Amino acid sequence: MYSQESISGRRRGRPEPTAETLSGLACLVCATDYRAASAPEAVVVSHRDDRPLLACRGTCARMAGGSVDGLDETPLPLDERVRRHQDAAHRDAPNEDAPNEDALQPDARHQGDPS
């Protein structure tokens, strides 16, 4: 079993969660992708920006939140988490239909400049 000191040190040294982690598609601790068929059960261990953060039940949950069973909260179904993640990715993607600002600017070479 992990000591409380090693668990606290792990929390302090952890990098920022990825987009997949924030969407509940990957474990907060070991980064296991829950979309894989063999992925372990995910439990809610914390919240960030009103969104649940998930970890694998057991050691990862204990390292992330102090309890092997996580919080007393049921995570959203995987297909709903995937849909929300894809919706967020489409909202954040640049709009390809928008005109390119460089295309709207007059080109100095074509304004009487023979070069």
N, C-alpha and C. Protein backbone atom coordinates (compact mmCIF):
# COMPACT_ATOMS: atom_id res chain seq x y z
N MET A 1 0.84 -1.18 0.00
CA MET A 1 0.00 0.00 0.00
C MET A 1 0.89 1.25 0.00
N TYR A 2 0.40 2.31 -0.55
CA TYR A 2 1.16 3.54 -0.61
C TYR A 2 1.03 4.34 0.68
N SER A 3 2.12 4.97 1.12
CA SER A 3 2.07 5.81 2.32
C SER A 3 1.39 7.13 1.98
N GLN A 4 0.88 7.78 3.00
CA GLN A 4 0.22 9.08 2.80
C GLN A 4 1.20 10.10 2.22
N GLU A 5 2.46 9.99 2.62
CA GLU A 5 3.48 10.92 2.10
C GLU A 5 3.71 10.73 0.60
N SER A 6 3.75 9.48 0.14
CA SER A 6 3.97 9.25 -1.29
C SER A 6 2.76 9.68 -2.11
N ILE A 7 1.58 9.50 -1.55
CA ILE A 7 0.37 9.94 -2.23
C ILE A 7 0.35 11.46 -2.35
N SER A 8 0.67 12.15 -1.27
CA SER A 8 0.69 13.62 -1.30
C SER A 8 1.74 14.14 -2.26
N GLY A 9 2.90 13.48 -2.30
CA GLY A 9 3.95 13.88 -3.23
C GLY A 9 3.51 13.69 -4.67
N ARG A 10 2.79 12.64 -4.95
CA ARG A 10 2.28 12.38 -6.30
C ARG A 10 1.31 13.48 -6.71
N ARG A 11 0.45 13.91 -5.81
CA ARG A 11 -0.52 14.96 -6.12
C ARG A 11 0.20 16.27 -6.45
N ARG A 12 1.22 16.61 -5.68
CA ARG A 12 1.94 17.87 -5.91
C ARG A 12 2.70 17.85 -7.23
N GLY A 13 3.25 16.71 -7.64
CA GLY A 13 4.08 16.64 -8.82
C GLY A 13 3.34 16.35 -10.11
N ARG A 14 2.05 16.28 -10.06
CA ARG A 14 1.24 15.89 -11.22
C ARG A 14 1.09 17.05 -12.21
N PRO A 15 1.23 16.78 -13.51
CA PRO A 15 1.04 17.84 -14.51
C PRO A 15 -0.44 18.18 -14.67
N GLU A 16 -0.72 19.22 -15.43
CA GLU A 16 -2.11 19.61 -15.70
C GLU A 16 -2.83 18.49 -16.45
N PRO A 17 -4.10 18.26 -16.13
CA PRO A 17 -4.84 17.21 -16.82
C PRO A 17 -5.01 17.53 -18.31
N THR A 18 -5.04 16.48 -19.12
CA THR A 18 -5.25 16.63 -20.56
C THR A 18 -6.74 16.86 -20.84
N ALA A 19 -7.05 17.18 -22.09
CA ALA A 19 -8.46 17.36 -22.48
C ALA A 19 -9.24 16.07 -22.29
N GLU A 20 -8.61 14.93 -22.58
CA GLU A 20 -9.27 13.64 -22.40
C GLU A 20 -9.55 13.37 -20.93
N THR A 21 -8.61 13.72 -20.06
CA THR A 21 -8.80 13.53 -18.63
C THR A 21 -9.93 14.43 -18.13
N LEU A 22 -9.95 15.67 -18.57
CA LEU A 22 -11.00 16.59 -18.15
C LEU A 22 -12.38 16.17 -18.66
N SER A 23 -12.41 15.42 -19.75
CA SER A 23 -13.68 14.94 -20.29
C SER A 23 -14.10 13.60 -19.70
N GLY A 24 -13.25 13.04 -18.83
CA GLY A 24 -13.58 11.76 -18.22
C GLY A 24 -13.29 10.57 -19.12
N LEU A 25 -12.38 10.74 -20.07
CA LEU A 25 -12.05 9.65 -20.98
C LEU A 25 -10.74 8.96 -20.61
N ALA A 26 -10.01 9.53 -19.66
CA ALA A 26 -8.73 8.95 -19.24
C ALA A 26 -8.56 9.12 -17.74
N CYS A 27 -7.83 8.19 -17.14
CA CYS A 27 -7.58 8.22 -15.69
C CYS A 27 -6.72 9.42 -15.33
N LEU A 28 -7.07 10.07 -14.26
CA LEU A 28 -6.34 11.24 -13.77
C LEU A 28 -4.92 10.87 -13.34
N VAL A 29 -4.70 9.64 -12.90
CA VAL A 29 -3.40 9.23 -12.36
C VAL A 29 -2.56 8.50 -13.41
N CYS A 30 -3.08 7.42 -13.98
CA CYS A 30 -2.27 6.58 -14.88
C CYS A 30 -2.54 6.82 -16.35
N ALA A 31 -3.52 7.67 -16.68
CA ALA A 31 -3.87 8.05 -18.06
C ALA A 31 -4.43 6.89 -18.88
N THR A 32 -4.94 5.84 -18.22
CA THR A 32 -5.61 4.76 -18.96
C THR A 32 -6.78 5.33 -19.73
N ASP A 33 -6.90 4.94 -21.00
CA ASP A 33 -8.00 5.40 -21.84
C ASP A 33 -9.22 4.51 -21.58
N TYR A 34 -10.29 5.09 -21.05
CA TYR A 34 -11.49 4.32 -20.70
C TYR A 34 -12.26 3.85 -21.93
N ARG A 35 -11.91 4.35 -23.12
CA ARG A 35 -12.57 3.90 -24.34
C ARG A 35 -12.09 2.52 -24.76
N ALA A 36 -10.99 2.06 -24.21
CA ALA A 36 -10.48 0.72 -24.52
C ALA A 36 -11.37 -0.33 -23.84
N ALA A 37 -11.58 -1.44 -24.52
CA ALA A 37 -12.48 -2.48 -24.00
C ALA A 37 -12.00 -3.06 -22.67
N SER A 38 -10.70 -3.12 -22.47
CA SER A 38 -10.16 -3.71 -21.25
C SER A 38 -9.93 -2.71 -20.12
N ALA A 39 -10.40 -1.49 -20.26
CA ALA A 39 -10.17 -0.44 -19.26
C ALA A 39 -10.87 -0.80 -17.95
N PRO A 40 -10.24 -0.49 -16.82
CA PRO A 40 -10.86 -0.76 -15.52
C PRO A 40 -12.03 0.19 -15.26
N GLU A 41 -12.78 -0.10 -14.22
CA GLU A 41 -13.91 0.74 -13.86
C GLU A 41 -13.43 2.12 -13.40
N ALA A 42 -14.10 3.15 -13.87
CA ALA A 42 -13.76 4.52 -13.50
C ALA A 42 -14.67 5.00 -12.37
N VAL A 43 -14.08 5.76 -11.43
CA VAL A 43 -14.86 6.35 -10.35
C VAL A 43 -14.54 7.84 -10.29
N VAL A 44 -15.50 8.63 -9.83
CA VAL A 44 -15.30 10.07 -9.66
C VAL A 44 -14.44 10.28 -8.42
N VAL A 45 -13.35 11.04 -8.58
CA VAL A 45 -12.45 11.29 -7.45
C VAL A 45 -12.34 12.77 -7.09
N SER A 46 -12.78 13.64 -8.00
CA SER A 46 -12.63 15.07 -7.76
C SER A 46 -13.47 15.81 -8.79
N HIS A 47 -13.46 17.14 -8.68
CA HIS A 47 -14.14 17.99 -9.67
C HIS A 47 -13.22 19.14 -10.04
N ARG A 48 -13.33 19.57 -11.29
CA ARG A 48 -12.59 20.75 -11.76
C ARG A 48 -13.50 21.47 -12.74
N ASP A 49 -13.71 22.74 -12.51
CA ASP A 49 -14.60 23.54 -13.36
C ASP A 49 -15.97 22.88 -13.49
N ASP A 50 -16.49 22.39 -12.38
CA ASP A 50 -17.81 21.73 -12.31
C ASP A 50 -17.89 20.48 -13.15
N ARG A 51 -16.77 19.88 -13.48
CA ARG A 51 -16.74 18.63 -14.24
C ARG A 51 -16.07 17.57 -13.38
N PRO A 52 -16.62 16.34 -13.37
CA PRO A 52 -15.99 15.29 -12.56
C PRO A 52 -14.69 14.79 -13.18
N LEU A 53 -13.71 14.54 -12.33
CA LEU A 53 -12.46 13.92 -12.76
C LEU A 53 -12.50 12.47 -12.33
N LEU A 54 -12.06 11.57 -13.20
CA LEU A 54 -12.17 10.15 -12.96
C LEU A 54 -10.81 9.50 -12.79
N ALA A 55 -10.80 8.41 -12.03
CA ALA A 55 -9.61 7.58 -11.86
C ALA A 55 -10.06 6.13 -11.83
N CYS A 56 -9.12 5.23 -12.09
CA CYS A 56 -9.42 3.81 -12.01
C CYS A 56 -9.71 3.44 -10.56
N ARG A 57 -10.73 2.60 -10.37
CA ARG A 57 -11.07 2.16 -9.02
C ARG A 57 -9.86 1.44 -8.42
N GLY A 58 -9.54 1.74 -7.19
CA GLY A 58 -8.43 1.08 -6.50
C GLY A 58 -7.29 2.05 -6.22
N THR A 59 -6.09 1.65 -6.61
CA THR A 59 -4.90 2.43 -6.30
C THR A 59 -4.94 3.84 -6.89
N CYS A 60 -5.33 3.97 -8.15
CA CYS A 60 -5.39 5.30 -8.77
C CYS A 60 -6.38 6.20 -8.04
N ALA A 61 -7.54 5.67 -7.71
CA ALA A 61 -8.54 6.46 -6.98
C ALA A 61 -8.00 6.89 -5.63
N ARG A 62 -7.30 5.98 -4.94
CA ARG A 62 -6.73 6.33 -3.64
C ARG A 62 -5.67 7.41 -3.78
N MET A 63 -4.84 7.31 -4.81
CA MET A 63 -3.81 8.33 -5.01
C MET A 63 -4.41 9.67 -5.40
N ALA A 64 -5.51 9.66 -6.13
CA ALA A 64 -6.11 10.91 -6.59
C ALA A 64 -7.01 11.54 -5.55
N GLY A 65 -7.75 10.73 -4.81
CA GLY A 65 -8.74 11.31 -3.91
C GLY A 65 -8.74 10.78 -2.50
N GLY A 66 -7.90 9.80 -2.19
CA GLY A 66 -7.82 9.30 -0.83
C GLY A 66 -8.69 8.10 -0.54
N SER A 67 -9.54 7.70 -1.46
CA SER A 67 -10.43 6.56 -1.25
C SER A 67 -10.36 5.65 -2.48
N VAL A 68 -10.28 4.34 -2.25
CA VAL A 68 -10.20 3.41 -3.37
C VAL A 68 -11.48 3.38 -4.19
N ASP A 69 -12.59 3.82 -3.59
CA ASP A 69 -13.88 3.83 -4.27
C ASP A 69 -14.28 5.21 -4.78
N GLY A 70 -13.42 6.20 -4.62
CA GLY A 70 -13.73 7.56 -5.07
C GLY A 70 -14.84 8.19 -4.27
N LEU A 71 -15.46 9.20 -4.85
CA LEU A 71 -16.57 9.90 -4.20
C LEU A 71 -17.85 9.09 -4.38
N ASP A 72 -18.84 9.40 -3.58
CA ASP A 72 -20.13 8.71 -3.69
C ASP A 72 -20.93 9.37 -4.80
N GLU A 73 -20.46 9.18 -6.03
CA GLU A 73 -21.07 9.82 -7.20
C GLU A 73 -20.84 8.91 -8.40
N THR A 74 -21.86 8.72 -9.20
CA THR A 74 -21.75 7.87 -10.38
C THR A 74 -21.29 8.71 -11.57
N PRO A 75 -20.24 8.26 -12.27
CA PRO A 75 -19.81 9.01 -13.46
C PRO A 75 -20.83 8.88 -14.58
N LEU A 76 -20.82 9.84 -15.48
CA LEU A 76 -21.68 9.75 -16.67
C LEU A 76 -21.30 8.51 -17.46
N PRO A 77 -22.25 7.95 -18.21
CA PRO A 77 -21.90 6.81 -19.07
C PRO A 77 -20.82 7.20 -20.08
N LEU A 78 -20.00 6.22 -20.47
CA LEU A 78 -18.88 6.48 -21.37
C LEU A 78 -19.32 7.13 -22.67
N ASP A 79 -20.41 6.65 -23.28
CA ASP A 79 -20.84 7.23 -24.57
C ASP A 79 -21.21 8.70 -24.43
N GLU A 80 -21.76 9.10 -23.29
CA GLU A 80 -22.08 10.51 -23.05
C GLU A 80 -20.81 11.33 -22.87
N ARG A 81 -19.82 10.79 -22.17
CA ARG A 81 -18.55 11.50 -21.99
C ARG A 81 -17.85 11.68 -23.33
N VAL A 82 -17.89 10.65 -24.18
CA VAL A 82 -17.27 10.73 -25.52
C VAL A 82 -17.98 11.80 -26.35
N ARG A 83 -19.32 11.80 -26.33
CA ARG A 83 -20.08 12.78 -27.11
C ARG A 83 -19.75 14.21 -26.66
N ARG A 84 -19.72 14.44 -25.35
CA ARG A 84 -19.40 15.78 -24.84
C ARG A 84 -17.99 16.21 -25.21
N HIS A 85 -17.06 15.26 -25.17
CA HIS A 85 -15.67 15.57 -25.54
C HIS A 85 -15.58 15.96 -27.01
N GLN A 86 -16.28 15.23 -27.87
CA GLN A 86 -16.28 15.54 -29.30
C GLN A 86 -16.96 16.88 -29.57
N ASP A 87 -18.05 17.17 -28.87
CA ASP A 87 -18.72 18.46 -29.03
C ASP A 87 -17.80 19.61 -28.63
N ALA A 88 -17.07 19.43 -27.52
CA ALA A 88 -16.15 20.47 -27.06
C ALA A 88 -15.01 20.65 -28.06
N ALA A 89 -14.53 19.56 -28.64
CA ALA A 89 -13.43 19.64 -29.62
C ALA A 89 -13.90 20.39 -30.87
N HIS A 90 -15.14 20.17 -31.29
CA HIS A 90 -15.66 20.87 -32.47
C HIS A 90 -15.87 22.35 -32.18
N ARG A 91 -16.27 22.68 -30.97
CA ARG A 91 -16.45 24.10 -30.60
C ARG A 91 -15.12 24.83 -30.58
N ASP A 92 -14.06 24.14 -30.14
CA ASP A 92 -12.75 24.78 -30.00
C ASP A 92 -11.95 24.79 -31.29
N ALA A 93 -12.35 24.00 -32.28
CA ALA A 93 -11.61 23.92 -33.54
C ALA A 93 -11.80 25.21 -34.34
N PRO A 94 -10.77 25.63 -35.07
CA PRO A 94 -10.93 26.84 -35.90
C PRO A 94 -11.97 26.60 -36.98
N ASN A 95 -12.69 27.63 -37.28
CA ASN A 95 -13.76 27.54 -38.28
C ASN A 95 -13.14 27.66 -39.67
N GLU A 96 -13.21 26.59 -40.45
CA GLU A 96 -12.60 26.59 -41.79
C GLU A 96 -13.43 27.39 -42.79
N ASP A 97 -14.70 27.66 -42.46
CA ASP A 97 -15.54 28.42 -43.36
C ASP A 97 -15.28 29.92 -43.26
N ALA A 98 -14.62 30.35 -42.17
CA ALA A 98 -14.33 31.77 -41.99
C ALA A 98 -13.26 32.20 -42.99
N PRO A 99 -13.38 33.39 -43.54
CA PRO A 99 -12.37 33.84 -44.51
C PRO A 99 -11.03 34.05 -43.82
N ASN A 100 -9.98 33.76 -44.54
CA ASN A 100 -8.63 33.95 -44.04
C ASN A 100 -8.34 35.45 -44.04
N GLU A 101 -7.88 35.97 -42.91
CA GLU A 101 -7.64 37.41 -42.81
C GLU A 101 -6.57 37.86 -43.79
N ASP A 102 -5.58 37.02 -44.05
CA ASP A 102 -4.52 37.39 -44.98
C ASP A 102 -5.09 37.54 -46.40
N ALA A 103 -6.10 36.75 -46.74
CA ALA A 103 -6.70 36.83 -48.07
C ALA A 103 -7.48 38.13 -48.25
N LEU A 104 -7.91 38.72 -47.15
CA LEU A 104 -8.68 39.96 -47.22
C LEU A 104 -7.78 41.20 -47.33
N GLN A 105 -6.50 41.04 -46.97
CA GLN A 105 -5.57 42.16 -47.00
C GLN A 105 -5.03 42.34 -48.41
N PRO A 106 -4.95 43.58 -48.89
CA PRO A 106 -4.38 43.80 -50.23
C PRO A 106 -2.90 43.42 -50.23
N ASP A 107 -2.47 42.81 -51.29
CA ASP A 107 -1.08 42.39 -51.42
C ASP A 107 -0.28 43.56 -51.97
N ALA A 108 0.75 43.99 -51.23
CA ALA A 108 1.53 45.16 -51.60
C ALA A 108 2.24 44.96 -52.94
N ARG A 109 2.57 43.73 -53.31
CA ARG A 109 3.26 43.49 -54.57
C ARG A 109 2.37 43.79 -55.77
N HIS A 110 1.08 43.78 -55.59
CA HIS A 110 0.18 43.98 -56.73
C HIS A 110 -0.43 45.39 -56.77
N GLN A 111 0.15 46.31 -56.02
CA GLN A 111 -0.38 47.68 -56.02
C GLN A 111 0.60 48.61 -56.72
N GLY A 112 0.99 48.24 -57.90
CA GLY A 112 1.87 49.11 -58.68
C GLY A 112 3.33 48.82 -58.44
N ASP A 113 3.66 47.95 -57.53
CA ASP A 113 5.05 47.59 -57.25
C ASP A 113 5.47 46.51 -58.25
N PRO A 114 6.43 46.79 -59.14
CA PRO A 114 6.79 45.84 -60.20
C PRO A 114 7.55 44.62 -59.69
N SER A 115 7.96 44.56 -58.43
CA SER A 115 8.77 43.42 -57.95
C SER A 115 7.99 42.16 -57.79
